[in-house]
């Protein structure tokens, strides 16, 4: 899945949830489950997600919603990616290219 968000410094939880077509509660749940998602929080408690947060969420979304991995499986993949497993990085890039090509084919 490719996310279309305007280039901004921070995104609200509503903007991120809408981009992924999920409920904000799912993002809050993933935030508790995945230490890699660390949005900034204002004094009011509002979350502000960075572009890096959105990329991590996109990867988690891909692993869980598109590939059907469990939370534990997704955590393992994130650890592999964080540790610089070149095979996993290449596969992730190829998946993104495949998604882009499928989107282009759908437009034809």
PDB file of N, CA and C in Angstrom:
ATOM      1  N   UNK A   1       0.844  -1.175   0.000  1.00  0.00           N
ATOM      2  CA  UNK A   1       0.000   0.000   0.000  1.00  0.00           C
ATOM      3  C   UNK A   1       0.885   1.233   0.000  1.00  0.00           C
ATOM      4  N   UNK A   2       0.560   2.134  -0.872  1.00  0.00           N
ATOM      5  CA  UNK A   2       1.276   3.410  -0.920  1.00  0.00           C
ATOM      6  C   UNK A   2       0.376   4.463  -0.289  1.00  0.00           C
ATOM      7  N   UNK A   3       0.933   5.228   0.619  1.00  0.00           N
ATOM      8  CA  UNK A   3       0.165   6.236   1.350  1.00  0.00           C
ATOM      9  C   UNK A   3       0.367   7.594   0.716  1.00  0.00           C
ATOM     10  N   UNK A   4      -0.732   8.269   0.473  1.00  0.00           N
ATOM     11  CA  UNK A   4      -0.671   9.619  -0.092  1.00  0.00           C
ATOM     12  C   UNK A   4      -0.948  10.635   1.007  1.00  0.00           C
ATOM     13  N   UNK A   5       0.119  11.154   1.575  1.00  0.00           N
ATOM     14  CA  UNK A   5       0.009  12.212   2.571  1.00  0.00           C
ATOM     15  C   UNK A   5       0.795  13.407   2.068  1.00  0.00           C
ATOM     16  N   UNK A   6       0.286  14.609   2.284  1.00  0.00           N
ATOM     17  CA  UNK A   6       1.049  15.785   1.874  1.00  0.00           C
ATOM     18  C   UNK A   6       2.333  15.883   2.693  1.00  0.00           C
ATOM     19  N   UNK A   7       3.348  16.497   2.122  1.00  0.00           N
ATOM     20  CA  UNK A   7       4.621  16.673   2.834  1.00  0.00           C
ATOM     21  C   UNK A   7       4.420  17.677   3.968  1.00  0.00           C
ATOM     22  N   UNK A   8       4.516  17.174   5.192  1.00  0.00           N
ATOM     23  CA  UNK A   8       4.394  18.011   6.375  1.00  0.00           C
ATOM     24  C   UNK A   8       5.394  17.520   7.404  1.00  0.00           C
ATOM     25  N   UNK A   9       5.624  18.336   8.378  1.00  0.00           N
ATOM     26  CA  UNK A   9       6.535  17.939   9.453  1.00  0.00           C
ATOM     27  C   UNK A   9       5.864  16.926  10.391  1.00  0.00           C
ATOM     28  N   UNK A  10       4.590  17.162  10.707  1.00  0.00           N
ATOM     29  CA  UNK A  10       3.841  16.278  11.607  1.00  0.00           C
ATOM     30  C   UNK A  10       2.454  16.004  11.043  1.00  0.00           C
ATOM     31  N   UNK A  11       1.941  14.814  11.384  1.00  0.00           N
ATOM     32  CA  UNK A  11       0.601  14.406  10.971  1.00  0.00           C
ATOM     33  C   UNK A  11      -0.197  14.037  12.217  1.00  0.00           C
ATOM     34  N   UNK A  12      -1.467  14.365  12.205  1.00  0.00           N
ATOM     35  CA  UNK A  12      -2.332  13.995  13.330  1.00  0.00           C
ATOM     36  C   UNK A  12      -2.696  12.522  13.210  1.00  0.00           C
ATOM     37  N   UNK A  13      -3.190  11.953  14.293  1.00  0.00           N
ATOM     38  CA  UNK A  13      -3.587  10.555  14.271  1.00  0.00           C
ATOM     39  C   UNK A  13      -4.737  10.345  13.280  1.00  0.00           C
ATOM     40  N   UNK A  14      -5.602  11.347  13.158  1.00  0.00           N
ATOM     41  CA  UNK A  14      -6.712  11.260  12.213  1.00  0.00           C
ATOM     42  C   UNK A  14      -6.231  11.203  10.772  1.00  0.00           C
ATOM     43  N   UNK A  15      -5.229  12.014  10.445  1.00  0.00           N
ATOM     44  CA  UNK A  15      -4.686  12.014   9.087  1.00  0.00           C
ATOM     45  C   UNK A  15      -4.037  10.673   8.744  1.00  0.00           C
ATOM     46  N   UNK A  16      -3.291  10.133   9.700  1.00  0.00           N
ATOM     47  CA  UNK A  16      -2.601   8.860   9.467  1.00  0.00           C
ATOM     48  C   UNK A  16      -3.625   7.729   9.366  1.00  0.00           C
ATOM     49  N   UNK A  17      -4.610   7.734  10.249  1.00  0.00           N
ATOM     50  CA  UNK A  17      -5.643   6.697  10.217  1.00  0.00           C
ATOM     51  C   UNK A  17      -6.399   6.731   8.893  1.00  0.00           C
ATOM     52  N   UNK A  18      -6.725   7.920   8.436  1.00  0.00           N
ATOM     53  CA  UNK A  18      -7.447   8.056   7.165  1.00  0.00           C
ATOM     54  C   UNK A  18      -6.592   7.573   5.991  1.00  0.00           C
ATOM     55  N   UNK A  19      -5.301   7.873   6.015  1.00  0.00           N
ATOM     56  CA  UNK A  19      -4.403   7.469   4.935  1.00  0.00           C
ATOM     57  C   UNK A  19      -4.339   5.943   4.812  1.00  0.00           C
ATOM     58  N   UNK A  20      -4.416   5.240   5.944  1.00  0.00           N
ATOM     59  CA  UNK A  20      -4.350   3.781   5.939  1.00  0.00           C
ATOM     60  C   UNK A  20      -5.727   3.132   5.993  1.00  0.00           C
ATOM     61  N   UNK A  21      -6.772   3.948   6.062  1.00  0.00           N
ATOM     62  CA  UNK A  21      -8.146   3.458   6.151  1.00  0.00           C
ATOM     63  C   UNK A  21      -8.312   2.521   7.353  1.00  0.00           C
ATOM     64  N   UNK A  22      -7.824   2.972   8.505  1.00  0.00           N
ATOM     65  CA  UNK A  22      -7.971   2.225   9.757  1.00  0.00           C
ATOM     66  C   UNK A  22      -8.507   3.175  10.825  1.00  0.00           C
ATOM     67  N   UNK A  23      -8.949   2.598  11.922  1.00  0.00           N
ATOM     68  CA  UNK A  23      -9.412   3.407  13.043  1.00  0.00           C
ATOM     69  C   UNK A  23      -8.216   3.939  13.829  1.00  0.00           C
ATOM     70  N   UNK A  24      -8.330   5.144  14.379  1.00  0.00           N
ATOM     71  CA  UNK A  24      -7.249   5.666  15.217  1.00  0.00           C
ATOM     72  C   UNK A  24      -6.906   4.725  16.375  1.00  0.00           C
ATOM     73  N   UNK A  25      -7.896   3.972  16.859  1.00  0.00           N
ATOM     74  CA  UNK A  25      -7.631   3.044  17.967  1.00  0.00           C
ATOM     75  C   UNK A  25      -6.618   1.973  17.570  1.00  0.00           C
ATOM     76  N   UNK A  26      -6.613   1.573  16.298  1.00  0.00           N
ATOM     77  CA  UNK A  26      -5.628   0.587  15.839  1.00  0.00           C
ATOM     78  C   UNK A  26      -4.221   1.176  15.902  1.00  0.00           C
ATOM     79  N   UNK A  27      -4.085   2.434  15.525  1.00  0.00           N
ATOM     80  CA  UNK A  27      -2.774   3.087  15.595  1.00  0.00           C
ATOM     81  C   UNK A  27      -2.304   3.197  17.047  1.00  0.00           C
ATOM     82  N   UNK A  28      -3.229   3.506  17.963  1.00  0.00           N
ATOM     83  CA  UNK A  28      -2.853   3.577  19.371  1.00  0.00           C
ATOM     84  C   UNK A  28      -2.441   2.194  19.883  1.00  0.00           C
ATOM     85  N   UNK A  29      -3.139   1.137  19.429  1.00  0.00           N
ATOM     86  CA  UNK A  29      -2.794  -0.223  19.808  1.00  0.00           C
ATOM     87  C   UNK A  29      -1.408  -0.589  19.284  1.00  0.00           C
ATOM     88  N   UNK A  30      -1.160  -0.309  17.992  1.00  0.00           N
ATOM     89  CA  UNK A  30       0.148  -0.612  17.415  1.00  0.00           C
ATOM     90  C   UNK A  30       1.255   0.158  18.133  1.00  0.00           C
ATOM     91  N   UNK A  31       0.939   1.373  18.562  1.00  0.00           N
ATOM     92  CA  UNK A  31       1.928   2.178  19.280  1.00  0.00           C
ATOM     93  C   UNK A  31       2.355   1.468  20.572  1.00  0.00           C
ATOM     94  N   UNK A  32       1.414   0.796  21.236  1.00  0.00           N
ATOM     95  CA  UNK A  32       1.739   0.051  22.452  1.00  0.00           C
ATOM     96  C   UNK A  32       2.506  -1.227  22.127  1.00  0.00           C
ATOM     97  N   UNK A  33       2.175  -1.857  21.005  1.00  0.00           N
ATOM     98  CA  UNK A  33       2.778  -3.141  20.641  1.00  0.00           C
ATOM     99  C   UNK A  33       4.165  -3.001  20.009  1.00  0.00           C
ATOM    100  N   UNK A  34       4.373  -1.934  19.260  1.00  0.00           N
ATOM    101  CA  UNK A  34       5.618  -1.755  18.510  1.00  0.00           C
ATOM    102  C   UNK A  34       6.365  -0.543  19.053  1.00  0.00           C
ATOM    103  N   UNK A  35       7.499  -0.803  19.684  1.00  0.00           N
ATOM    104  CA  UNK A  35       8.275   0.296  20.279  1.00  0.00           C
ATOM    105  C   UNK A  35       8.831   1.236  19.219  1.00  0.00           C
ATOM    106  N   UNK A  36       8.853   0.805  17.960  1.00  0.00           N
ATOM    107  CA  UNK A  36       9.382   1.644  16.879  1.00  0.00           C
ATOM    108  C   UNK A  36       8.474   2.838  16.567  1.00  0.00           C
ATOM    109  N   UNK A  37       7.201   2.735  16.908  1.00  0.00           N
ATOM    110  CA  UNK A  37       6.259   3.840  16.666  1.00  0.00           C
ATOM    111  C   UNK A  37       6.259   4.728  17.902  1.00  0.00           C
ATOM    112  N   UNK A  38       6.846   5.901  17.762  1.00  0.00           N
ATOM    113  CA  UNK A  38       6.924   6.819  18.899  1.00  0.00           C
ATOM    114  C   UNK A  38       6.505   8.220  18.456  1.00  0.00           C
ATOM    115  N   UNK A  39       5.186   8.453  18.339  1.00  0.00           N
ATOM    116  CA  UNK A  39       4.779   9.808  17.963  1.00  0.00           C
ATOM    117  C   UNK A  39       5.050  10.783  19.098  1.00  0.00           C
ATOM    118  N   UNK A  40       5.261  12.015  18.728  1.00  0.00           N
ATOM    119  CA  UNK A  40       5.420  13.062  19.735  1.00  0.00           C
ATOM    120  C   UNK A  40       4.034  13.350  20.304  1.00  0.00           C
ATOM    121  N   UNK A  41       3.988  13.669  21.581  1.00  0.00           N
ATOM    122  CA  UNK A  41       2.703  13.984  22.202  1.00  0.00           C
ATOM    123  C   UNK A  41       2.744  15.401  22.741  1.00  0.00           C
ATOM    124  N   UNK A  42       1.722  16.158  22.397  1.00  0.00           N
ATOM    125  CA  UNK A  42       1.590  17.505  22.929  1.00  0.00           C
ATOM    126  C   UNK A  42       1.119  17.418  24.376  1.00  0.00           C
ATOM    127  N   UNK A  43       1.151  18.532  25.072  1.00  0.00           N
ATOM    128  CA  UNK A  43       0.675  18.551  26.458  1.00  0.00           C
ATOM    129  C   UNK A  43      -0.784  18.132  26.538  1.00  0.00           C
ATOM    130  N   UNK A  44      -1.538  18.413  25.484  1.00  0.00           N
ATOM    131  CA  UNK A  44      -2.955  18.044  25.459  1.00  0.00           C
ATOM    132  C   UNK A  44      -3.148  16.544  25.231  1.00  0.00           C
ATOM    133  N   UNK A  45      -2.065  15.829  24.911  1.00  0.00           N
ATOM    134  CA  UNK A  45      -2.159  14.392  24.668  1.00  0.00           C
ATOM    135  C   UNK A  45      -2.296  14.034  23.197  1.00  0.00           C
ATOM    136  N   UNK A  46      -2.444  15.057  22.346  1.00  0.00           N
ATOM    137  CA  UNK A  46      -2.570  14.788  20.910  1.00  0.00           C
ATOM    138  C   UNK A  46      -1.257  14.261  20.355  1.00  0.00           C
ATOM    139  N   UNK A  47      -1.378  13.210  19.538  1.00  0.00           N
ATOM    140  CA  UNK A  47      -0.196  12.610  18.934  1.00  0.00           C
ATOM    141  C   UNK A  47       0.152  13.332  17.642  1.00  0.00           C
ATOM    142  N   UNK A  48       1.448  13.495  17.415  1.00  0.00           N
ATOM    143  CA  UNK A  48       1.943  14.076  16.174  1.00  0.00           C
ATOM    144  C   UNK A  48       2.946  13.096  15.582  1.00  0.00           C
ATOM    145  N   UNK A  49       2.569  12.515  14.446  1.00  0.00           N
ATOM    146  CA  UNK A  49       3.409  11.512  13.796  1.00  0.00           C
ATOM    147  C   UNK A  49       4.354  12.170  12.795  1.00  0.00           C
ATOM    148  N   UNK A  50       5.602  11.714  12.784  1.00  0.00           N
ATOM    149  CA  UNK A  50       6.576  12.197  11.815  1.00  0.00           C
ATOM    150  C   UNK A  50       6.502  11.321  10.566  1.00  0.00           C
ATOM    151  N   UNK A  51       7.187  11.743   9.509  1.00  0.00           N
ATOM    152  CA  UNK A  51       7.243  10.941   8.285  1.00  0.00           C
ATOM    153  C   UNK A  51       7.866   9.577   8.568  1.00  0.00           C
ATOM    154  N   UNK A  52       8.849   9.552   9.456  1.00  0.00           N
ATOM    155  CA  UNK A  52       9.480   8.274   9.829  1.00  0.00           C
ATOM    156  C   UNK A  52       8.470   7.359  10.511  1.00  0.00           C
ATOM    157  N   UNK A  53       7.639   7.918  11.400  1.00  0.00           N
ATOM    158  CA  UNK A  53       6.585   7.129  12.038  1.00  0.00           C
ATOM    159  C   UNK A  53       5.648   6.539  10.992  1.00  0.00           C
ATOM    160  N   UNK A  54       5.286   7.355  10.007  1.00  0.00           N
ATOM    161  CA  UNK A  54       4.355   6.911   8.966  1.00  0.00           C
ATOM    162  C   UNK A  54       4.975   5.768   8.153  1.00  0.00           C
ATOM    163  N   UNK A  55       6.266   5.850   7.856  1.00  0.00           N
ATOM    164  CA  UNK A  55       6.933   4.770   7.117  1.00  0.00           C
ATOM    165  C   UNK A  55       6.931   3.470   7.917  1.00  0.00           C
ATOM    166  N   UNK A  56       7.154   3.571   9.214  1.00  0.00           N
ATOM    167  CA  UNK A  56       7.121   2.381  10.058  1.00  0.00           C
ATOM    168  C   UNK A  56       5.709   1.804  10.097  1.00  0.00           C
ATOM    169  N   UNK A  57       4.718   2.664  10.234  1.00  0.00           N
ATOM    170  CA  UNK A  57       3.323   2.209  10.236  1.00  0.00           C
ATOM    171  C   UNK A  57       2.993   1.558   8.902  1.00  0.00           C
ATOM    172  N   UNK A  58       3.488   2.131   7.810  1.00  0.00           N
ATOM    173  CA  UNK A  58       3.241   1.565   6.487  1.00  0.00           C
ATOM    174  C   UNK A  58       3.820   0.150   6.402  1.00  0.00           C
ATOM    175  N   UNK A  59       5.017  -0.049   6.939  1.00  0.00           N
ATOM    176  CA  UNK A  59       5.641  -1.363   6.920  1.00  0.00           C
ATOM    177  C   UNK A  59       4.850  -2.344   7.791  1.00  0.00           C
ATOM    178  N   UNK A  60       4.424  -1.893   8.965  1.00  0.00           N
ATOM    179  CA  UNK A  60       3.627  -2.747   9.849  1.00  0.00           C
ATOM    180  C   UNK A  60       2.295  -3.087   9.182  1.00  0.00           C
ATOM    181  N   UNK A  61       1.659  -2.092   8.576  1.00  0.00           N
ATOM    182  CA  UNK A  61       0.396  -2.322   7.865  1.00  0.00           C
ATOM    183  C   UNK A  61       0.595  -3.387   6.792  1.00  0.00           C
ATOM    184  N   UNK A  62       1.659  -3.256   6.024  1.00  0.00           N
ATOM    185  CA  UNK A  62       1.952  -4.210   4.955  1.00  0.00           C
ATOM    186  C   UNK A  62       2.115  -5.621   5.531  1.00  0.00           C
ATOM    187  N   UNK A  63       2.879  -5.738   6.608  1.00  0.00           N
ATOM    188  CA  UNK A  63       3.137  -7.045   7.191  1.00  0.00           C
ATOM    189  C   UNK A  63       1.872  -7.690   7.747  1.00  0.00           C
ATOM    190  N   UNK A  64       1.058  -6.906   8.440  1.00  0.00           N
ATOM    191  CA  UNK A  64      -0.111  -7.467   9.128  1.00  0.00           C
ATOM    192  C   UNK A  64      -1.333  -7.549   8.216  1.00  0.00           C
ATOM    193  N   UNK A  65      -1.670  -6.456   7.558  1.00  0.00           N
ATOM    194  CA  UNK A  65      -2.912  -6.402   6.781  1.00  0.00           C
ATOM    195  C   UNK A  65      -2.776  -7.020   5.389  1.00  0.00           C
ATOM    196  N   UNK A  66      -1.621  -6.876   4.757  1.00  0.00           N
ATOM    197  CA  UNK A  66      -1.465  -7.368   3.386  1.00  0.00           C
ATOM    198  C   UNK A  66      -0.831  -8.758   3.332  1.00  0.00           C
ATOM    199  N   UNK A  67       0.179  -8.987   4.163  1.00  0.00           N
ATOM    200  CA  UNK A  67       0.844 -10.288   4.158  1.00  0.00           C
ATOM    201  C   UNK A  67       0.218 -11.263   5.151  1.00  0.00           C
ATOM    202  N   UNK A  68      -0.571 -10.758   6.080  1.00  0.00           N
ATOM    203  CA  UNK A  68      -1.268 -11.614   7.031  1.00  0.00           C
ATOM    204  C   UNK A  68      -0.421 -12.131   8.178  1.00  0.00           C
ATOM    205  N   UNK A  69       0.671 -11.440   8.491  1.00  0.00           N
ATOM    206  CA  UNK A  69       1.513 -11.855   9.607  1.00  0.00           C
ATOM    207  C   UNK A  69       0.826 -11.559  10.931  1.00  0.00           C
ATOM    208  N   UNK A  70       1.204 -12.324  11.944  1.00  0.00           N
ATOM    209  CA  UNK A  70       0.736 -12.046  13.298  1.00  0.00           C
ATOM    210  C   UNK A  70       1.538 -10.882  13.852  1.00  0.00           C
ATOM    211  N   UNK A  71       1.123 -10.389  15.019  1.00  0.00           N
ATOM    212  CA  UNK A  71       1.889  -9.318  15.663  1.00  0.00           C
ATOM    213  C   UNK A  71       3.313  -9.781  15.933  1.00  0.00           C
ATOM    214  N   UNK A  72       3.467 -11.009  16.410  1.00  0.00           N
ATOM    215  CA  UNK A  72       4.805 -11.525  16.695  1.00  0.00           C
ATOM    216  C   UNK A  72       5.634 -11.636  15.422  1.00  0.00           C
ATOM    217  N   UNK A  73       5.002 -12.084  14.334  1.00  0.00           N
ATOM    218  CA  UNK A  73       5.707 -12.179  13.056  1.00  0.00           C
ATOM    219  C   UNK A  73       6.144 -10.817  12.553  1.00  0.00           C
ATOM    220  N   UNK A  74       5.273  -9.829  12.714  1.00  0.00           N
ATOM    221  CA  UNK A  74       5.605  -8.466  12.287  1.00  0.00           C
ATOM    222  C   UNK A  74       6.742  -7.900  13.142  1.00  0.00           C
ATOM    223  N   UNK A  75       6.716  -8.183  14.445  1.00  0.00           N
ATOM    224  CA  UNK A  75       7.793  -7.712  15.320  1.00  0.00           C
ATOM    225  C   UNK A  75       9.125  -8.323  14.900  1.00  0.00           C
ATOM    226  N   UNK A  76       9.092  -9.603  14.540  1.00  0.00           N
ATOM    227  CA  UNK A  76      10.316 -10.274  14.097  1.00  0.00           C
ATOM    228  C   UNK A  76      10.847  -9.630  12.819  1.00  0.00           C
ATOM    229  N   UNK A  77       9.968  -9.336  11.875  1.00  0.00           N
ATOM    230  CA  UNK A  77      10.376  -8.698  10.619  1.00  0.00           C
ATOM    231  C   UNK A  77      10.951  -7.308  10.873  1.00  0.00           C
ATOM    232  N   UNK A  78      10.350  -6.570  11.802  1.00  0.00           N
ATOM    233  CA  UNK A  78      10.873  -5.245  12.144  1.00  0.00           C
ATOM    234  C   UNK A  78      12.266  -5.345  12.756  1.00  0.00           C
ATOM    235  N   UNK A  79      12.471  -6.349  13.625  1.00  0.00           N
ATOM    236  CA  UNK A  79      13.801  -6.542  14.206  1.00  0.00           C
ATOM    237  C   UNK A  79      14.821  -6.857  13.120  1.00  0.00           C
ATOM    238  N   UNK A  80      14.442  -7.727  12.183  1.00  0.00           N
ATOM    239  CA  UNK A  80      15.342  -8.071  11.083  1.00  0.00           C
ATOM    240  C   UNK A  80      15.677  -6.837  10.255  1.00  0.00           C
ATOM    241  N   UNK A  81      14.663  -6.028   9.992  1.00  0.00           N
ATOM    242  CA  UNK A  81      14.889  -4.813   9.201  1.00  0.00           C
ATOM    243  C   UNK A  81      15.783  -3.837   9.954  1.00  0.00           C
ATOM    244  N   UNK A  82      15.529  -3.707  11.268  1.00  0.00           N
ATOM    245  CA  UNK A  82      16.319  -2.777  12.077  1.00  0.00           C
ATOM    246  C   UNK A  82      17.777  -3.223  12.146  1.00  0.00           C
ATOM    247  N   UNK A  83      17.992  -4.528  12.158  1.00  0.00           N
ATOM    248  CA  UNK A  83      19.354  -5.056  12.223  1.00  0.00           C
ATOM    249  C   UNK A  83      20.024  -5.065  10.857  1.00  0.00           C
ATOM    250  N   UNK A  84      19.337  -4.568   9.850  1.00  0.00           N
ATOM    251  CA  UNK A  84      19.946  -4.422   8.532  1.00  0.00           C
ATOM    252  C   UNK A  84      20.058  -5.710   7.745  1.00  0.00           C
ATOM    253  N   UNK A  85      19.047  -6.573   7.831  1.00  0.00           N
ATOM    254  CA  UNK A  85      19.044  -7.797   7.037  1.00  0.00           C
ATOM    255  C   UNK A  85      18.852  -7.407   5.580  1.00  0.00           C
ATOM    256  N   UNK A  86      19.897  -7.503   4.755  1.00  0.00           N
ATOM    257  CA  UNK A  86      19.815  -7.029   3.374  1.00  0.00           C
ATOM    258  C   UNK A  86      18.755  -7.767   2.561  1.00  0.00           C
ATOM    259  N   UNK A  87      18.576  -9.054   2.807  1.00  0.00           N
ATOM    260  CA  UNK A  87      17.570  -9.820   2.063  1.00  0.00           C
ATOM    261  C   UNK A  87      16.172  -9.252   2.313  1.00  0.00           C
ATOM    262  N   UNK A  88      15.872  -8.974   3.575  1.00  0.00           N
ATOM    263  CA  UNK A  88      14.556  -8.425   3.918  1.00  0.00           C
ATOM    264  C   UNK A  88      14.370  -7.026   3.342  1.00  0.00           C
ATOM    265  N   UNK A  89      15.426  -6.223   3.349  1.00  0.00           N
ATOM    266  CA  UNK A  89      15.328  -4.878   2.783  1.00  0.00           C
ATOM    267  C   UNK A  89      15.042  -4.948   1.294  1.00  0.00           C
ATOM    268  N   UNK A  90      15.723  -5.843   0.603  1.00  0.00           N
ATOM    269  CA  UNK A  90      15.509  -6.001  -0.841  1.00  0.00           C
ATOM    270  C   UNK A  90      14.092  -6.482  -1.104  1.00  0.00           C
ATOM    271  N   UNK A  91      13.626  -7.462  -0.324  1.00  0.00           N
ATOM    272  CA  UNK A  91      12.262  -7.959  -0.506  1.00  0.00           C
ATOM    273  C   UNK A  91      11.228  -6.863  -0.245  1.00  0.00           C
ATOM    274  N   UNK A  92      11.464  -6.043   0.773  1.00  0.00           N
ATOM    275  CA  UNK A  92      10.533  -4.951   1.072  1.00  0.00           C
ATOM    276  C   UNK A  92      10.503  -3.944  -0.074  1.00  0.00           C
ATOM    277  N   UNK A  93      11.681  -3.623  -0.627  1.00  0.00           N
ATOM    278  CA  UNK A  93      11.733  -2.701  -1.765  1.00  0.00           C
ATOM    279  C   UNK A  93      11.020  -3.285  -2.972  1.00  0.00           C
ATOM    280  N   UNK A  94      11.227  -4.561  -3.220  1.00  0.00           N
ATOM    281  CA  UNK A  94      10.558  -5.214  -4.345  1.00  0.00           C
ATOM    282  C   UNK A  94       9.041  -5.230  -4.157  1.00  0.00           C
ATOM    283  N   UNK A  95       8.598  -5.427  -2.918  1.00  0.00           N
ATOM    284  CA  UNK A  95       7.157  -5.388  -2.631  1.00  0.00           C
ATOM    285  C   UNK A  95       6.590  -4.000  -2.932  1.00  0.00           C
ATOM    286  N   UNK A  96       7.326  -2.955  -2.552  1.00  0.00           N
ATOM    287  CA  UNK A  96       6.859  -1.584  -2.824  1.00  0.00           C
ATOM    288  C   UNK A  96       6.816  -1.323  -4.324  1.00  0.00           C
ATOM    289  N   UNK A  97       7.819  -1.809  -5.050  1.00  0.00           N
ATOM    290  CA  UNK A  97       7.832  -1.643  -6.510  1.00  0.00           C
ATOM    291  C   UNK A  97       6.655  -2.385  -7.123  1.00  0.00           C
ATOM    292  N   UNK A  98       6.421  -3.598  -6.642  1.00  0.00           N
ATOM    293  CA  UNK A  98       5.299  -4.401  -7.141  1.00  0.00           C
ATOM    294  C   UNK A  98       3.976  -3.669  -6.902  1.00  0.00           C
ATOM    295  N   UNK A  99       3.805  -3.112  -5.690  1.00  0.00           N
ATOM    296  CA  UNK A  99       2.585  -2.365  -5.377  1.00  0.00           C
ATOM    297  C   UNK A  99       2.415  -1.170  -6.314  1.00  0.00           C
ATOM    298  N   UNK A 100       3.513  -0.464  -6.569  1.00  0.00           N
ATOM    299  CA  UNK A 100       3.455   0.695  -7.472  1.00  0.00           C
ATOM    300  C   UNK A 100       3.071   0.270  -8.880  1.00  0.00           C
ATOM    301  N   UNK A 101       3.656  -0.824  -9.344  1.00  0.00           N
ATOM    302  CA  UNK A 101       3.338  -1.315 -10.687  1.00  0.00           C
ATOM    303  C   UNK A 101       1.885  -1.778 -10.769  1.00  0.00           C
ATOM    304  N   UNK A 102       1.389  -2.417  -9.726  1.00  0.00           N
ATOM    305  CA  UNK A 102      -0.013  -2.832  -9.721  1.00  0.00           C
ATOM    306  C   UNK A 102      -0.941  -1.641  -9.757  1.00  0.00           C
ATOM    307  N   UNK A 103      -0.576  -0.578  -9.043  1.00  0.00           N
ATOM    308  CA  UNK A 103      -1.393   0.630  -9.066  1.00  0.00           C
ATOM    309  C   UNK A 103      -1.401   1.247 -10.460  1.00  0.00           C
ATOM    310  N   UNK A 104      -0.247   1.246 -11.117  1.00  0.00           N
ATOM    311  CA  UNK A 104      -0.171   1.774 -12.483  1.00  0.00           C
ATOM    312  C   UNK A 104      -1.015   0.935 -13.429  1.00  0.00           C
ATOM    313  N   UNK A 105      -0.967  -0.378 -13.289  1.00  0.00           N
ATOM    314  CA  UNK A 105      -1.763  -1.260 -14.151  1.00  0.00           C
ATOM    315  C   UNK A 105      -3.259  -1.023 -13.942  1.00  0.00           C
ATOM    316  N   UNK A 106      -3.663  -0.779 -12.690  1.00  0.00           N
ATOM    317  CA  UNK A 106      -5.066  -0.521 -12.413  1.00  0.00           C
ATOM    318  C   UNK A 106      -5.555   0.756 -13.081  1.00  0.00           C
ATOM    319  N   UNK A 107      -4.651   1.721 -13.269  1.00  0.00           N
ATOM    320  CA  UNK A 107      -5.028   2.978 -13.897  1.00  0.00           C
ATOM    321  C   UNK A 107      -5.144   2.866 -15.402  1.00  0.00           C
ATOM    322  N   UNK A 108      -4.543   1.825 -15.982  1.00  0.00           N
ATOM    323  CA  UNK A 108      -4.588   1.657 -17.444  1.00  0.00           C
ATOM    324  C   UNK A 108      -5.915   1.117 -17.912  1.00  0.00           C
TER     325      UNK A 108
END
